[in-house]
N, C-alpha and C. Protein backbone atom coordinates (compact mmCIF):
# COMPACT_ATOMS: atom_id res chain seq x y z
N MET A 1 -19.99 20.91 1.68
CA MET A 1 -19.03 19.93 2.00
C MET A 1 -18.37 19.43 0.63
N PRO A 2 -17.11 19.34 0.60
CA PRO A 2 -16.38 18.89 -0.70
C PRO A 2 -16.81 17.38 -0.97
N ALA A 3 -16.89 17.13 -2.26
CA ALA A 3 -17.11 15.73 -2.68
C ALA A 3 -15.81 14.99 -2.65
N VAL A 4 -15.80 13.86 -2.08
CA VAL A 4 -14.56 13.04 -1.92
C VAL A 4 -14.77 11.60 -2.59
N VAL A 5 -13.84 11.24 -3.44
CA VAL A 5 -13.81 9.94 -3.97
C VAL A 5 -12.50 9.31 -3.58
N ILE A 6 -12.61 8.12 -2.99
CA ILE A 6 -11.36 7.32 -2.64
C ILE A 6 -11.43 6.05 -3.21
N PHE A 7 -10.21 5.75 -3.91
CA PHE A 7 -10.02 4.42 -4.47
C PHE A 7 -9.24 3.46 -3.57
N LEU A 8 -10.04 2.52 -3.12
CA LEU A 8 -9.61 1.60 -2.00
C LEU A 8 -9.84 0.18 -2.32
N GLY A 9 -8.93 -0.70 -1.95
CA GLY A 9 -9.03 -2.11 -2.12
C GLY A 9 -8.49 -2.95 -1.00
N PRO A 10 -7.44 -3.80 -1.33
CA PRO A 10 -6.98 -4.61 -0.28
C PRO A 10 -6.16 -4.00 0.89
N SER A 11 -5.80 -2.71 0.74
CA SER A 11 -4.97 -2.10 1.73
C SER A 11 -5.79 -1.84 3.04
N LEU A 12 -7.11 -1.63 2.93
CA LEU A 12 -7.93 -1.39 4.12
C LEU A 12 -9.38 -1.80 3.82
N ASP A 13 -10.01 -2.39 4.73
CA ASP A 13 -11.40 -2.76 4.53
C ASP A 13 -12.28 -1.48 4.52
N THR A 14 -13.15 -1.50 3.54
CA THR A 14 -14.03 -0.23 3.37
C THR A 14 -14.78 0.03 4.62
N ALA A 15 -15.28 -0.93 5.34
CA ALA A 15 -16.02 -0.64 6.61
C ALA A 15 -15.12 0.20 7.62
N ALA A 16 -13.91 -0.22 7.65
CA ALA A 16 -12.97 0.44 8.62
C ALA A 16 -12.79 1.93 7.99
N ALA A 17 -12.65 2.06 6.76
CA ALA A 17 -12.42 3.39 6.16
C ALA A 17 -13.60 4.30 6.36
N ARG A 18 -14.86 3.73 6.36
CA ARG A 18 -16.08 4.54 6.67
C ARG A 18 -16.13 4.97 8.09
N ARG A 19 -15.50 4.19 9.00
CA ARG A 19 -15.46 4.64 10.35
C ARG A 19 -14.58 5.92 10.50
N ILE A 20 -13.59 6.08 9.69
CA ILE A 20 -12.79 7.25 9.73
C ILE A 20 -13.37 8.46 8.96
N LEU A 21 -13.99 8.07 7.81
CA LEU A 21 -14.55 9.20 7.03
C LEU A 21 -15.80 8.48 6.27
N GLY A 22 -16.95 8.81 6.84
CA GLY A 22 -18.18 8.20 6.24
C GLY A 22 -18.65 8.98 4.95
N ALA A 23 -18.26 10.30 4.90
CA ALA A 23 -18.73 11.17 3.97
C ALA A 23 -17.85 11.20 2.70
N ALA A 24 -17.62 9.94 2.14
CA ALA A 24 -16.77 9.75 0.94
C ALA A 24 -17.43 8.65 0.11
N GLU A 25 -17.11 8.71 -1.23
CA GLU A 25 -17.52 7.62 -2.13
C GLU A 25 -16.36 6.74 -2.27
N TYR A 26 -16.44 5.53 -1.85
CA TYR A 26 -15.33 4.57 -2.01
C TYR A 26 -15.53 3.75 -3.22
N ARG A 27 -14.47 3.77 -4.09
CA ARG A 27 -14.55 2.98 -5.32
C ARG A 27 -13.47 1.96 -5.32
N PRO A 28 -13.57 0.98 -6.21
CA PRO A 28 -12.53 -0.14 -6.29
C PRO A 28 -11.21 0.40 -6.65
N PRO A 29 -10.14 -0.43 -6.55
CA PRO A 29 -8.80 0.12 -6.99
C PRO A 29 -8.79 0.68 -8.36
N ALA A 30 -8.13 1.81 -8.50
CA ALA A 30 -8.19 2.58 -9.65
C ALA A 30 -7.44 1.94 -10.80
N LYS A 31 -8.05 2.10 -12.02
CA LYS A 31 -7.34 1.71 -13.20
C LYS A 31 -7.25 3.03 -14.16
N ARG A 32 -6.63 2.84 -15.39
CA ARG A 32 -6.45 3.84 -16.25
C ARG A 32 -7.88 4.58 -16.66
N GLY A 33 -7.94 5.85 -16.49
CA GLY A 33 -9.14 6.59 -16.74
C GLY A 33 -10.09 6.90 -15.56
N ASP A 34 -9.85 6.19 -14.44
CA ASP A 34 -10.72 6.28 -13.22
C ASP A 34 -10.62 7.69 -12.58
N ILE A 35 -9.34 8.20 -12.55
CA ILE A 35 -9.18 9.56 -11.93
C ILE A 35 -9.95 10.63 -12.76
N LEU A 36 -9.75 10.58 -14.09
CA LEU A 36 -10.47 11.47 -14.91
C LEU A 36 -11.95 11.30 -14.73
N ARG A 37 -12.53 10.08 -14.60
CA ARG A 37 -13.89 9.81 -14.36
C ARG A 37 -14.40 10.53 -13.04
N ALA A 38 -13.57 10.33 -12.03
CA ALA A 38 -13.83 10.90 -10.80
C ALA A 38 -13.93 12.44 -10.87
N VAL A 39 -13.11 13.07 -11.54
CA VAL A 39 -13.09 14.49 -11.80
C VAL A 39 -14.42 14.93 -12.48
N LYS A 40 -14.70 14.19 -13.58
CA LYS A 40 -15.93 14.40 -14.42
C LYS A 40 -17.21 14.27 -13.42
N ASP A 41 -17.02 13.37 -12.47
CA ASP A 41 -18.21 13.18 -11.63
C ASP A 41 -18.35 14.24 -10.47
N GLY A 42 -17.38 15.18 -10.43
CA GLY A 42 -17.52 16.31 -9.59
C GLY A 42 -16.70 16.13 -8.31
N ALA A 43 -15.76 15.26 -8.28
CA ALA A 43 -14.84 15.20 -6.99
C ALA A 43 -14.00 16.47 -6.77
N ASP A 44 -14.12 16.81 -5.57
CA ASP A 44 -13.19 17.94 -5.16
C ASP A 44 -11.85 17.46 -4.51
N ILE A 45 -11.93 16.27 -3.90
CA ILE A 45 -10.74 15.57 -3.29
C ILE A 45 -10.77 14.17 -3.76
N ILE A 46 -9.67 13.65 -4.25
CA ILE A 46 -9.44 12.32 -4.61
C ILE A 46 -8.36 11.61 -3.80
N GLY A 47 -8.75 10.50 -3.18
CA GLY A 47 -7.82 9.66 -2.48
C GLY A 47 -7.40 8.51 -3.24
N LEU A 48 -6.13 8.47 -3.69
CA LEU A 48 -5.74 7.27 -4.48
C LEU A 48 -4.87 6.43 -3.46
N ILE A 49 -5.43 5.32 -3.13
CA ILE A 49 -4.73 4.31 -2.25
C ILE A 49 -4.40 3.07 -3.03
N ASP A 50 -5.42 2.38 -3.42
CA ASP A 50 -5.18 1.17 -4.22
C ASP A 50 -5.42 1.37 -5.81
N GLY A 51 -4.65 0.70 -6.60
CA GLY A 51 -4.81 0.71 -7.98
C GLY A 51 -4.33 -0.52 -8.58
N VAL A 52 -4.78 -0.82 -9.83
CA VAL A 52 -4.35 -2.05 -10.46
C VAL A 52 -2.91 -1.89 -10.94
N PHE A 53 -2.20 -3.02 -11.03
CA PHE A 53 -0.80 -3.01 -11.45
C PHE A 53 -0.58 -3.77 -12.74
N PHE A 54 -0.85 -4.97 -12.80
CA PHE A 54 -0.41 -5.82 -13.92
C PHE A 54 -1.70 -6.38 -14.62
N GLN A 55 -2.79 -6.46 -14.05
CA GLN A 55 -3.95 -7.15 -14.62
C GLN A 55 -4.70 -6.11 -15.59
N ASP A 56 -4.37 -4.84 -15.47
CA ASP A 56 -5.15 -3.84 -16.30
C ASP A 56 -4.12 -2.62 -16.45
N CYS A 57 -4.47 -1.57 -17.15
CA CYS A 57 -3.64 -0.49 -17.33
C CYS A 57 -3.76 0.36 -16.02
N SER A 58 -2.65 0.72 -15.55
CA SER A 58 -2.46 1.46 -14.33
C SER A 58 -2.86 2.90 -14.59
N VAL A 59 -3.17 3.64 -13.41
CA VAL A 59 -3.48 5.08 -13.46
C VAL A 59 -2.30 5.85 -14.06
N ALA A 60 -2.74 6.73 -15.08
CA ALA A 60 -1.67 7.48 -15.85
C ALA A 60 -1.39 8.71 -15.11
N HIS A 61 -0.05 9.09 -15.24
CA HIS A 61 0.39 10.42 -14.60
C HIS A 61 -0.39 11.54 -15.16
N LYS A 62 -0.72 11.50 -16.48
CA LYS A 62 -1.37 12.58 -17.10
C LYS A 62 -2.75 12.88 -16.60
N GLU A 63 -3.40 11.80 -16.19
CA GLU A 63 -4.83 12.02 -15.64
C GLU A 63 -4.74 12.65 -14.28
N ILE A 64 -3.70 12.32 -13.46
CA ILE A 64 -3.52 12.91 -12.20
C ILE A 64 -3.21 14.39 -12.38
N LEU A 65 -2.37 14.66 -13.32
CA LEU A 65 -1.94 16.05 -13.59
C LEU A 65 -3.15 16.80 -14.06
N ALA A 66 -4.01 16.23 -14.87
CA ALA A 66 -5.21 16.90 -15.28
C ALA A 66 -6.16 17.27 -14.16
N ALA A 67 -6.17 16.32 -13.23
CA ALA A 67 -7.08 16.52 -12.01
C ALA A 67 -6.45 17.70 -11.19
N LEU A 68 -5.21 17.70 -11.04
CA LEU A 68 -4.53 18.77 -10.24
C LEU A 68 -4.81 20.16 -10.90
N LYS A 69 -4.61 20.20 -12.24
CA LYS A 69 -4.84 21.41 -12.95
C LYS A 69 -6.24 21.88 -12.89
N ALA A 70 -7.26 20.91 -12.60
CA ALA A 70 -8.62 21.31 -12.58
C ALA A 70 -8.87 21.78 -11.12
N GLY A 71 -7.95 21.74 -10.23
CA GLY A 71 -8.11 22.25 -8.95
C GLY A 71 -8.62 21.23 -7.94
N VAL A 72 -8.46 19.99 -8.32
CA VAL A 72 -8.87 18.85 -7.41
C VAL A 72 -7.71 18.51 -6.59
N LYS A 73 -7.86 18.33 -5.27
CA LYS A 73 -6.74 17.81 -4.49
C LYS A 73 -6.64 16.33 -4.58
N VAL A 74 -5.48 15.84 -4.79
CA VAL A 74 -5.21 14.47 -4.97
C VAL A 74 -4.26 14.00 -3.87
N VAL A 75 -4.70 13.00 -3.11
CA VAL A 75 -3.93 12.44 -1.94
C VAL A 75 -3.55 11.07 -2.33
N GLY A 76 -2.32 10.72 -2.19
CA GLY A 76 -1.74 9.34 -2.49
C GLY A 76 -1.11 8.73 -1.28
N ALA A 77 -1.30 7.37 -1.04
CA ALA A 77 -0.69 6.64 0.09
C ALA A 77 -0.79 5.13 -0.16
N SER A 78 0.05 4.43 0.57
CA SER A 78 -0.11 2.98 0.79
C SER A 78 0.45 2.14 -0.40
N SER A 79 -0.13 2.28 -1.59
CA SER A 79 0.09 1.36 -2.59
C SER A 79 0.31 2.14 -3.92
N MET A 80 -0.58 1.94 -4.95
CA MET A 80 -0.47 2.78 -6.15
C MET A 80 -0.41 4.32 -5.83
N GLY A 81 -1.08 4.66 -4.75
CA GLY A 81 -1.08 6.11 -4.34
C GLY A 81 0.22 6.63 -3.89
N ALA A 82 0.92 5.68 -3.21
CA ALA A 82 2.30 6.06 -2.71
C ALA A 82 3.26 6.21 -3.89
N LEU A 83 3.14 5.27 -4.85
CA LEU A 83 3.97 5.35 -5.99
C LEU A 83 3.76 6.69 -6.81
N ARG A 84 2.43 6.99 -7.11
CA ARG A 84 2.16 8.10 -7.88
C ARG A 84 2.47 9.39 -7.14
N ALA A 85 2.19 9.46 -5.81
CA ALA A 85 2.57 10.62 -5.05
C ALA A 85 4.11 10.92 -5.09
N CYS A 86 4.92 9.86 -5.00
CA CYS A 86 6.35 10.07 -5.01
C CYS A 86 6.75 10.68 -6.36
N GLU A 87 5.98 10.28 -7.45
CA GLU A 87 6.45 10.71 -8.75
C GLU A 87 5.87 12.10 -9.10
N MET A 88 4.86 12.51 -8.41
CA MET A 88 4.07 13.72 -8.68
C MET A 88 3.95 14.71 -7.53
N ASP A 89 4.63 14.48 -6.44
CA ASP A 89 4.51 15.44 -5.37
C ASP A 89 4.93 16.86 -5.68
N THR A 90 5.97 16.90 -6.50
CA THR A 90 6.47 18.24 -6.89
C THR A 90 5.46 19.01 -7.80
N LEU A 91 4.40 18.28 -8.34
CA LEU A 91 3.43 18.87 -9.12
C LEU A 91 2.11 19.17 -8.44
N GLY A 92 2.22 18.91 -7.06
CA GLY A 92 0.97 19.22 -6.26
C GLY A 92 0.36 18.06 -5.65
N MET A 93 0.61 16.79 -6.03
CA MET A 93 -0.09 15.66 -5.44
C MET A 93 0.48 15.53 -3.98
N ILE A 94 -0.42 15.17 -3.06
CA ILE A 94 -0.12 15.06 -1.59
C ILE A 94 0.24 13.60 -1.30
N GLY A 95 1.42 13.34 -0.88
CA GLY A 95 1.80 12.02 -0.34
C GLY A 95 1.78 11.84 1.09
N ILE A 96 1.17 10.73 1.58
CA ILE A 96 1.05 10.58 2.95
C ILE A 96 1.56 9.13 3.26
N GLY A 97 2.23 9.00 4.44
CA GLY A 97 2.59 7.73 5.06
C GLY A 97 4.04 7.27 4.84
N ARG A 98 4.41 6.24 5.51
CA ARG A 98 5.79 5.75 5.55
C ARG A 98 6.19 5.22 4.17
N ILE A 99 5.26 4.51 3.54
CA ILE A 99 5.64 3.85 2.27
C ILE A 99 5.96 5.00 1.21
N TYR A 100 5.04 6.05 1.15
CA TYR A 100 5.32 7.17 0.35
C TYR A 100 6.75 7.68 0.62
N ARG A 101 7.05 7.91 1.81
CA ARG A 101 8.35 8.49 2.25
C ARG A 101 9.49 7.61 1.75
N MET A 102 9.27 6.33 1.91
CA MET A 102 10.29 5.27 1.50
C MET A 102 10.62 5.37 -0.02
N TYR A 103 9.56 5.59 -0.78
CA TYR A 103 9.66 5.78 -2.25
C TYR A 103 10.30 7.11 -2.52
N ARG A 104 9.87 8.16 -1.85
CA ARG A 104 10.37 9.46 -2.05
C ARG A 104 12.01 9.61 -1.77
N ASP A 105 12.31 8.90 -0.69
CA ASP A 105 13.69 8.96 -0.28
C ASP A 105 14.58 7.91 -0.92
N GLY A 106 14.02 7.07 -1.90
CA GLY A 106 14.86 6.10 -2.62
C GLY A 106 15.10 4.79 -1.93
N VAL A 107 14.44 4.57 -0.77
CA VAL A 107 14.56 3.32 0.01
C VAL A 107 13.93 2.24 -0.84
N LEU A 108 12.74 2.52 -1.39
CA LEU A 108 12.08 1.70 -2.34
C LEU A 108 12.14 2.17 -3.71
N ILE A 109 12.28 1.33 -4.67
CA ILE A 109 12.33 1.72 -6.05
C ILE A 109 11.19 1.05 -6.93
N SER A 110 11.06 -0.32 -6.74
CA SER A 110 10.22 -1.02 -7.62
C SER A 110 8.74 -1.07 -7.28
N ASP A 111 7.85 -0.98 -8.21
CA ASP A 111 6.44 -1.20 -8.04
C ASP A 111 6.11 -2.47 -7.43
N ASP A 112 6.93 -3.41 -7.55
CA ASP A 112 6.80 -4.77 -7.05
C ASP A 112 6.73 -4.84 -5.49
N GLU A 113 7.21 -3.79 -4.85
CA GLU A 113 7.25 -3.74 -3.36
C GLU A 113 5.79 -3.65 -2.85
N VAL A 114 4.85 -3.07 -3.54
CA VAL A 114 3.52 -2.88 -2.89
C VAL A 114 2.50 -3.71 -3.70
N ALA A 115 2.91 -4.54 -4.67
CA ALA A 115 1.97 -5.25 -5.51
C ALA A 115 1.44 -6.53 -4.63
N LEU A 116 0.25 -6.92 -4.91
CA LEU A 116 -0.48 -7.93 -4.17
C LEU A 116 -1.25 -8.79 -5.16
N ALA A 117 -1.52 -9.97 -4.83
CA ALA A 117 -2.59 -10.88 -5.56
C ALA A 117 -3.79 -10.72 -4.72
N CYS A 118 -4.91 -10.55 -5.33
CA CYS A 118 -6.23 -10.38 -4.79
C CYS A 118 -7.25 -11.44 -5.27
N ASP A 119 -8.20 -11.74 -4.35
CA ASP A 119 -9.33 -12.56 -4.71
C ASP A 119 -10.05 -11.74 -5.64
N PRO A 120 -10.42 -12.26 -6.87
CA PRO A 120 -11.09 -11.50 -7.93
C PRO A 120 -12.62 -11.16 -7.50
N PHE A 121 -13.11 -11.92 -6.50
CA PHE A 121 -14.60 -11.76 -6.14
C PHE A 121 -14.68 -10.73 -4.91
N THR A 122 -13.59 -10.75 -4.06
CA THR A 122 -13.74 -9.93 -2.84
C THR A 122 -12.79 -8.80 -2.77
N ASP A 123 -11.75 -8.83 -3.62
CA ASP A 123 -10.56 -7.89 -3.64
C ASP A 123 -9.78 -8.13 -2.29
N ASP A 124 -10.01 -9.14 -1.55
CA ASP A 124 -9.15 -9.47 -0.36
C ASP A 124 -7.76 -9.88 -0.88
N ALA A 125 -6.73 -9.41 -0.09
CA ALA A 125 -5.35 -9.89 -0.50
C ALA A 125 -5.17 -11.33 -0.14
N VAL A 126 -4.51 -12.02 -1.09
CA VAL A 126 -4.18 -13.45 -0.84
C VAL A 126 -2.68 -13.63 -0.91
N SER A 127 -1.88 -12.53 -0.90
CA SER A 127 -0.45 -12.65 -0.82
C SER A 127 -0.06 -11.44 0.09
N GLU A 128 1.29 -11.39 0.42
CA GLU A 128 1.78 -10.34 1.24
C GLU A 128 2.61 -9.37 0.41
N ALA A 129 2.48 -8.06 0.72
CA ALA A 129 3.33 -7.07 0.01
C ALA A 129 4.74 -7.17 0.48
N LEU A 130 5.62 -7.07 -0.44
CA LEU A 130 7.16 -7.16 -0.09
C LEU A 130 7.38 -6.06 0.87
N VAL A 131 6.83 -4.89 0.82
CA VAL A 131 7.19 -3.88 1.71
C VAL A 131 6.71 -4.09 3.08
N ASP A 132 5.63 -4.80 3.27
CA ASP A 132 5.21 -5.20 4.60
C ASP A 132 6.15 -6.30 5.15
N ILE A 133 6.56 -7.28 4.27
CA ILE A 133 7.50 -8.30 4.75
C ILE A 133 8.83 -7.64 5.23
N ARG A 134 9.27 -6.61 4.41
CA ARG A 134 10.42 -5.92 4.68
C ARG A 134 10.40 -5.20 6.01
N ILE A 135 9.29 -4.46 6.27
CA ILE A 135 9.24 -3.73 7.55
C ILE A 135 8.97 -4.69 8.70
N THR A 136 8.23 -5.75 8.52
CA THR A 136 8.01 -6.80 9.52
C THR A 136 9.38 -7.37 9.97
N CYS A 137 10.19 -7.65 8.99
CA CYS A 137 11.55 -8.30 9.30
C CYS A 137 12.43 -7.26 10.07
N GLU A 138 12.33 -5.92 9.70
CA GLU A 138 13.01 -4.95 10.35
C GLU A 138 12.62 -4.92 11.90
N GLU A 139 11.33 -5.01 12.13
CA GLU A 139 10.86 -4.99 13.48
C GLU A 139 11.25 -6.23 14.24
N ALA A 140 11.19 -7.46 13.55
CA ALA A 140 11.55 -8.66 14.26
C ALA A 140 13.02 -8.63 14.56
N LEU A 141 13.87 -8.03 13.68
CA LEU A 141 15.26 -7.89 14.05
C LEU A 141 15.48 -6.99 15.25
N ALA A 142 14.79 -5.88 15.22
CA ALA A 142 14.98 -4.97 16.34
C ALA A 142 14.49 -5.46 17.66
N TRP A 143 13.55 -6.42 17.64
CA TRP A 143 13.06 -7.04 18.92
C TRP A 143 13.84 -8.32 19.28
N GLY A 144 14.85 -8.73 18.42
CA GLY A 144 15.69 -9.91 18.67
C GLY A 144 14.95 -11.17 18.34
N VAL A 145 13.98 -11.11 17.58
CA VAL A 145 13.24 -12.33 17.21
C VAL A 145 14.03 -13.09 16.21
N ILE A 146 14.75 -12.45 15.30
CA ILE A 146 15.59 -13.10 14.33
C ILE A 146 16.92 -12.36 14.26
N THR A 147 17.97 -13.05 13.79
CA THR A 147 19.30 -12.57 13.64
C THR A 147 19.37 -11.78 12.22
N SER A 148 20.43 -10.98 12.13
CA SER A 148 20.55 -10.19 10.91
C SER A 148 20.73 -11.18 9.72
N ARG A 149 21.38 -12.35 9.97
CA ARG A 149 21.57 -13.35 8.82
C ARG A 149 20.19 -13.74 8.35
N LEU A 150 19.25 -14.13 9.26
CA LEU A 150 17.94 -14.60 8.78
C LEU A 150 17.21 -13.47 8.27
N HIS A 151 17.31 -12.25 8.80
CA HIS A 151 16.67 -11.12 8.22
C HIS A 151 16.99 -11.00 6.82
N ASP A 152 18.33 -11.03 6.49
CA ASP A 152 18.80 -10.80 5.11
C ASP A 152 18.27 -12.00 4.22
N GLN A 153 18.22 -13.13 4.72
CA GLN A 153 17.70 -14.29 3.95
C GLN A 153 16.29 -14.23 3.59
N ILE A 154 15.54 -13.85 4.57
CA ILE A 154 14.06 -13.78 4.34
C ILE A 154 13.75 -12.71 3.23
N ILE A 155 14.43 -11.56 3.33
CA ILE A 155 14.23 -10.47 2.40
C ILE A 155 14.62 -10.87 0.99
N LYS A 156 15.84 -11.48 0.96
CA LYS A 156 16.35 -12.00 -0.33
C LYS A 156 15.43 -12.99 -0.91
N THR A 157 14.90 -13.90 -0.15
CA THR A 157 14.04 -14.92 -0.63
C THR A 157 12.64 -14.36 -1.14
N ALA A 158 12.18 -13.39 -0.39
CA ALA A 158 10.89 -12.76 -0.79
C ALA A 158 11.12 -11.93 -2.07
N GLU A 159 12.19 -11.21 -2.19
CA GLU A 159 12.46 -10.47 -3.34
C GLU A 159 12.51 -11.33 -4.58
N GLY A 160 12.99 -12.46 -4.46
CA GLY A 160 13.22 -13.44 -5.57
C GLY A 160 11.90 -14.20 -6.03
N MET A 161 10.77 -13.98 -5.27
CA MET A 161 9.58 -14.71 -5.57
C MET A 161 8.67 -13.73 -6.39
N TYR A 162 7.84 -14.38 -7.30
CA TYR A 162 6.79 -13.69 -7.96
C TYR A 162 5.77 -13.16 -7.12
N TYR A 163 5.32 -11.91 -7.17
CA TYR A 163 4.60 -11.36 -6.15
C TYR A 163 3.29 -12.06 -5.73
N PRO A 164 2.56 -12.76 -6.60
CA PRO A 164 1.35 -13.51 -6.13
C PRO A 164 1.67 -14.72 -5.17
N GLU A 165 2.92 -15.10 -5.14
CA GLU A 165 3.32 -16.27 -4.35
C GLU A 165 3.90 -15.92 -3.08
N ARG A 166 4.00 -14.58 -2.78
CA ARG A 166 4.61 -14.18 -1.53
C ARG A 166 3.61 -14.28 -0.39
N THR A 167 3.82 -15.17 0.50
CA THR A 167 3.13 -15.27 1.83
C THR A 167 4.24 -15.60 2.69
N TYR A 168 3.96 -15.38 4.08
CA TYR A 168 4.98 -15.60 5.07
C TYR A 168 5.29 -17.16 5.15
N ARG A 169 4.23 -17.89 4.91
CA ARG A 169 4.38 -19.38 4.94
C ARG A 169 5.34 -19.81 3.87
N SER A 170 5.07 -19.34 2.67
CA SER A 170 5.91 -19.84 1.56
C SER A 170 7.33 -19.35 1.60
N VAL A 171 7.51 -18.09 2.10
CA VAL A 171 8.97 -17.55 2.22
C VAL A 171 9.64 -18.34 3.34
N ILE A 172 8.99 -18.64 4.52
CA ILE A 172 9.60 -19.37 5.52
C ILE A 172 9.97 -20.85 4.99
N ARG A 173 9.03 -21.42 4.34
CA ARG A 173 9.28 -22.71 3.76
C ARG A 173 10.56 -22.79 2.91
N ARG A 174 10.79 -21.71 2.05
CA ARG A 174 11.86 -21.68 1.13
C ARG A 174 13.27 -21.48 2.01
N CYS A 175 13.13 -20.91 3.14
CA CYS A 175 14.33 -20.70 3.93
C CYS A 175 14.73 -21.84 4.78
N ARG A 176 13.87 -22.82 4.97
CA ARG A 176 14.13 -23.88 5.89
C ARG A 176 15.40 -24.79 5.68
N GLU A 177 15.79 -24.93 4.37
CA GLU A 177 16.91 -25.66 4.02
C GLU A 177 18.19 -25.10 4.54
N SER A 178 18.30 -23.77 4.66
CA SER A 178 19.56 -23.16 5.01
C SER A 178 19.39 -22.28 6.21
N SER A 179 18.47 -22.55 7.07
CA SER A 179 18.32 -21.62 8.28
C SER A 179 18.04 -22.55 9.53
N ASP A 180 18.26 -21.86 10.62
CA ASP A 180 17.95 -22.54 12.00
C ASP A 180 16.43 -22.78 12.09
N PRO A 181 16.04 -24.03 12.15
CA PRO A 181 14.51 -24.25 12.24
C PRO A 181 13.84 -23.68 13.45
N GLU A 182 14.57 -23.57 14.58
CA GLU A 182 14.03 -23.01 15.73
C GLU A 182 13.78 -21.52 15.61
N GLU A 183 14.87 -20.90 14.93
CA GLU A 183 14.72 -19.40 14.70
C GLU A 183 13.54 -19.08 13.72
N LEU A 184 13.40 -19.94 12.72
CA LEU A 184 12.32 -19.83 11.72
C LEU A 184 10.98 -19.99 12.47
N ASP A 185 10.90 -21.03 13.30
CA ASP A 185 9.68 -21.29 14.07
C ASP A 185 9.27 -20.06 14.92
N ARG A 186 10.28 -19.52 15.57
CA ARG A 186 10.01 -18.31 16.44
C ARG A 186 9.61 -17.10 15.60
N PHE A 187 10.17 -16.93 14.44
CA PHE A 187 9.70 -15.91 13.54
C PHE A 187 8.30 -16.14 13.10
N ALA A 188 7.98 -17.37 12.63
CA ALA A 188 6.62 -17.72 12.21
C ALA A 188 5.62 -17.54 13.27
N ALA A 189 5.82 -17.82 14.58
CA ALA A 189 5.03 -17.52 15.62
C ALA A 189 4.84 -16.05 15.89
N TRP A 190 5.94 -15.31 15.84
CA TRP A 190 5.88 -13.90 16.09
C TRP A 190 5.07 -13.16 15.01
N VAL A 191 5.16 -13.65 13.70
CA VAL A 191 4.42 -13.03 12.67
C VAL A 191 2.98 -13.17 12.89
N GLU A 192 2.46 -14.29 13.43
CA GLU A 192 1.07 -14.51 13.61
C GLU A 192 0.48 -13.38 14.47
N SER A 193 1.18 -12.80 15.38
CA SER A 193 0.52 -11.82 16.35
C SER A 193 1.14 -10.40 16.12
N SER A 194 2.33 -10.33 15.48
CA SER A 194 2.98 -9.05 15.42
C SER A 194 3.44 -8.51 14.06
N CYS A 195 2.98 -9.14 12.93
CA CYS A 195 3.46 -8.70 11.76
C CYS A 195 2.94 -7.22 11.49
N ILE A 196 3.70 -6.45 10.68
CA ILE A 196 3.43 -5.08 10.46
C ILE A 196 2.56 -4.92 9.15
N ARG A 197 1.46 -4.27 9.29
CA ARG A 197 0.60 -4.02 8.16
C ARG A 197 0.86 -2.57 7.68
N GLN A 198 1.89 -2.26 7.14
CA GLN A 198 2.18 -0.84 6.88
C GLN A 198 1.33 -0.28 5.80
N LYS A 199 0.88 -1.02 4.81
CA LYS A 199 0.01 -0.52 3.78
C LYS A 199 -1.35 -0.08 4.43
N GLU A 200 -1.84 -0.97 5.37
CA GLU A 200 -3.06 -0.65 6.02
C GLU A 200 -2.92 0.62 6.92
N ALA A 201 -1.75 0.67 7.64
CA ALA A 201 -1.53 1.86 8.57
C ALA A 201 -1.46 3.12 7.70
N ASP A 202 -0.87 3.11 6.46
CA ASP A 202 -0.81 4.29 5.75
C ASP A 202 -2.13 4.63 5.07
N ALA A 203 -2.92 3.71 4.77
CA ALA A 203 -4.22 3.96 4.22
C ALA A 203 -5.03 4.65 5.30
N VAL A 204 -5.03 4.14 6.57
CA VAL A 204 -5.74 4.82 7.64
C VAL A 204 -5.28 6.26 7.84
N GLU A 205 -3.94 6.47 7.75
CA GLU A 205 -3.42 7.84 7.94
C GLU A 205 -3.85 8.74 6.72
N ALA A 206 -3.94 8.26 5.57
CA ALA A 206 -4.37 9.00 4.47
C ALA A 206 -5.84 9.42 4.55
N ILE A 207 -6.69 8.46 4.89
CA ILE A 207 -8.11 8.73 4.99
C ILE A 207 -8.36 9.66 6.22
N ALA A 208 -7.61 9.63 7.27
CA ALA A 208 -7.76 10.59 8.30
C ALA A 208 -7.25 11.93 7.95
N TYR A 209 -6.31 12.03 7.10
CA TYR A 209 -5.78 13.26 6.60
C TYR A 209 -6.88 13.91 5.67
N ILE A 210 -7.50 13.11 4.82
CA ILE A 210 -8.59 13.61 3.98
C ILE A 210 -9.84 14.07 4.83
N ALA A 211 -10.07 13.35 5.92
CA ALA A 211 -11.07 13.76 6.82
C ALA A 211 -10.84 15.11 7.39
N GLY A 212 -9.58 15.42 7.76
CA GLY A 212 -9.25 16.65 8.26
C GLY A 212 -9.39 17.76 7.10
N MET A 213 -9.06 17.38 5.93
CA MET A 213 -9.27 18.36 4.80
C MET A 213 -10.81 18.68 4.68
N VAL A 214 -11.69 17.71 4.77
CA VAL A 214 -13.11 17.87 4.72
C VAL A 214 -13.61 18.74 5.85
N ALA A 215 -13.04 18.57 6.98
CA ALA A 215 -13.38 19.34 8.18
C ALA A 215 -12.79 20.77 8.15
N GLY A 216 -11.92 21.02 7.20
CA GLY A 216 -11.33 22.31 7.20
C GLY A 216 -10.19 22.48 8.09
N GLU A 217 -9.54 21.41 8.59
CA GLU A 217 -8.49 21.60 9.53
C GLU A 217 -7.08 21.93 8.85
């Protein structure tokens, strides 16, 4: 059976990941040098989902390229993995999920779209990813929960915030002075039950894909 190392953090709970693929070693979000370390440790398949952005040096393109040249399969999705896969898919890295495709197709450009603030002790997210807010607003607009005007205002407001401060509550609060309060309240209630967790969904898809690789599918 191939040895699998998956770098995972706030995108998906490790217990949930193990229910999809138990035969993997789950490591914290990757930083510079961690991919090479996984190769040295004997990984045949590396799943890059979460990685550090601003608090430490990010995963380098050269180390992913070195892994690929060593014959290691590298799968990227959801967060740092989606970013690196978009940049390196032509060199053999495998990109999975909607966020990867959005970067690949130029819908997303900035690293800031997937950045989160995390609890330093638990790695739990304490802010919302801009890409999740963006997709949630698209869904809310499609269902008639919000108007196109409020959709645009929420996105513009979220884009203008520093990433650790992005939560639905803080974004909605900043929109209150210039938006219909009833519409904002309706959106806030809808978010409680129906917000889109695209980073989580892409992480699930990537781990399921790796599980298929392990099974030889």
